[in-house]
Amino acid sequence: MKKKSYAMDYDELLRGIEIIGEDLDFLCSLAESPSDEYQIPDAVEYSLAVIALTDQLAFMTQDLATSKLSEDGNHVILTKEQVDKMNDLYEVVEEALVRLRKCGISIQIN
């Protein structure tokens, strides 16, 4: 029996990598160049958010970006396991960002 495969638009993958990179850059800038305007009120929640985004970015750039492309080159071919992992990482990131927002830091606003 052949494994079921899934496809993700290649441009959407690249855009996702870009957005996650920007979010991670913003969070890292808070520690690299602290200011009075943006304080890190909870280092643990901040660190968990940075780790979650880093894990998600690593998965997208190392695992998904090296997957096979469709014949037309417009889609990345994914396995069910990759789709499940991508969804799990997304949920971890969202939970971490919700906790971070409760501390007063929102990457969606900033």
Protein backbone atom coordinates (compact mmCIF):
# COMPACT_ATOMS: atom_id res chain seq x y z
CA MET A 1 0.00 0.00 0.00
CA LYS A 2 1.36 3.38 -1.02
CA LYS A 3 1.73 6.07 1.64
CA LYS A 4 -0.58 9.02 1.25
CA SER A 5 1.20 12.26 0.47
CA TYR A 6 0.19 15.89 0.85
CA ALA A 7 1.24 19.04 -0.95
CA MET A 8 2.00 22.52 0.29
CA ASP A 9 2.41 25.51 -1.99
CA TYR A 10 6.15 26.24 -2.22
CA ASP A 11 5.64 30.01 -2.05
CA GLU A 12 3.53 29.59 1.10
CA LEU A 13 6.33 27.58 2.70
CA LEU A 14 8.81 30.34 1.88
CA ARG A 15 6.42 33.00 3.20
CA GLY A 16 5.93 31.01 6.42
CA ILE A 17 9.70 30.75 6.87
CA GLU A 18 9.99 34.51 6.32
CA ILE A 19 7.25 35.35 8.86
CA ILE A 20 8.63 33.01 11.52
CA GLY A 21 12.11 34.45 10.96
CA GLU A 22 10.79 37.99 11.40
CA ASP A 23 8.95 37.01 14.59
CA LEU A 24 12.05 35.34 15.95
CA ASP A 25 14.21 38.34 15.02
CA PHE A 26 11.83 40.66 16.88
CA LEU A 27 11.86 38.53 20.02
CA CYS A 28 15.64 38.16 19.94
CA SER A 29 16.06 41.92 19.49
CA LEU A 30 14.31 42.43 22.84
CA ALA A 31 17.17 40.62 24.57
CA GLU A 32 19.95 41.85 22.28
CA SER A 33 19.00 45.54 22.46
CA PRO A 34 16.80 46.09 25.52
CA SER A 35 14.80 49.29 25.70
CA ASP A 36 12.49 50.94 28.17
CA GLU A 37 9.60 50.53 25.71
CA TYR A 38 9.90 46.75 25.39
CA GLN A 39 10.76 44.93 28.59
CA ILE A 40 10.89 41.18 29.10
CA PRO A 41 8.65 40.73 32.16
CA ASP A 42 8.92 36.92 32.31
CA ALA A 43 12.18 35.39 31.11
CA VAL A 44 10.80 31.84 31.21
CA GLU A 45 7.79 32.57 28.99
CA TYR A 46 10.01 34.64 26.69
CA SER A 47 12.50 31.77 26.40
CA LEU A 48 9.77 29.22 25.74
CA ALA A 49 8.43 31.39 22.89
CA VAL A 50 11.90 31.78 21.37
CA ILE A 51 12.50 28.02 21.60
CA ALA A 52 9.09 27.22 20.05
CA LEU A 53 9.69 29.57 17.12
CA THR A 54 13.22 28.24 16.66
CA ASP A 55 11.96 24.65 16.57
CA GLN A 56 9.27 25.58 14.05
CA LEU A 57 11.74 27.47 11.85
CA ALA A 58 14.26 24.62 12.00
CA PHE A 59 11.61 22.10 10.97
CA MET A 60 10.47 24.24 8.06
CA THR A 61 13.97 25.04 6.79
CA GLN A 62 15.62 21.69 7.42
CA ASP A 63 12.86 19.09 7.04
CA LEU A 64 10.19 20.62 4.83
CA ALA A 65 12.44 22.67 2.58
CA THR A 66 14.39 19.55 1.62
CA SER A 67 11.27 17.57 0.68
CA LYS A 68 10.61 16.64 -2.92
CA LEU A 69 8.83 19.10 -5.16
CA SER A 70 5.89 18.39 -7.43
CA GLU A 71 6.65 17.95 -11.12
CA ASP A 72 5.78 21.59 -11.81
CA GLY A 73 7.92 22.75 -8.86
CA ASN A 74 5.05 24.70 -7.30
CA HIS A 75 4.37 22.38 -4.37
CA VAL A 76 6.37 20.64 -1.68
CA ILE A 77 5.35 17.00 -1.26
CA LEU A 78 4.81 16.13 2.41
CA THR A 79 4.11 12.96 4.33
CA LYS A 80 1.32 12.68 6.88
CA GLU A 81 3.99 12.62 9.59
CA GLN A 82 5.39 15.95 8.35
CA VAL A 83 1.92 17.50 8.27
CA ASP A 84 1.22 16.25 11.80
CA LYS A 85 4.58 17.56 13.05
CA MET A 86 3.96 20.93 11.40
CA ASN A 87 0.56 21.15 13.11
CA ASP A 88 2.03 20.14 16.48
CA LEU A 89 4.76 22.78 16.21
CA TYR A 90 2.18 25.40 15.22
CA GLU A 91 0.12 24.61 18.31
CA VAL A 92 3.18 24.81 20.58
CA VAL A 93 4.10 28.20 19.08
CA GLU A 94 0.57 29.54 19.44
CA GLU A 95 0.37 28.43 23.08
CA ALA A 96 3.75 30.02 23.83
CA LEU A 97 2.74 33.28 22.15
CA VAL A 98 -0.55 33.41 24.07
CA ARG A 99 1.38 33.08 27.33
CA LEU A 100 3.85 35.73 26.14
CA ARG A 101 0.98 38.11 25.28
CA LYS A 102 -0.27 37.73 28.85
CA CYS A 103 3.13 39.07 29.90
CA GLY A 104 2.70 42.13 27.67
CA ILE A 105 4.70 41.09 24.58
CA SER A 106 2.85 40.53 21.32
CA ILE A 107 4.63 39.85 18.07
CA GLN A 108 1.35 40.38 16.22
CA ILE A 109 1.17 43.99 17.43
CA ASN A 110 4.87 44.75 17.25
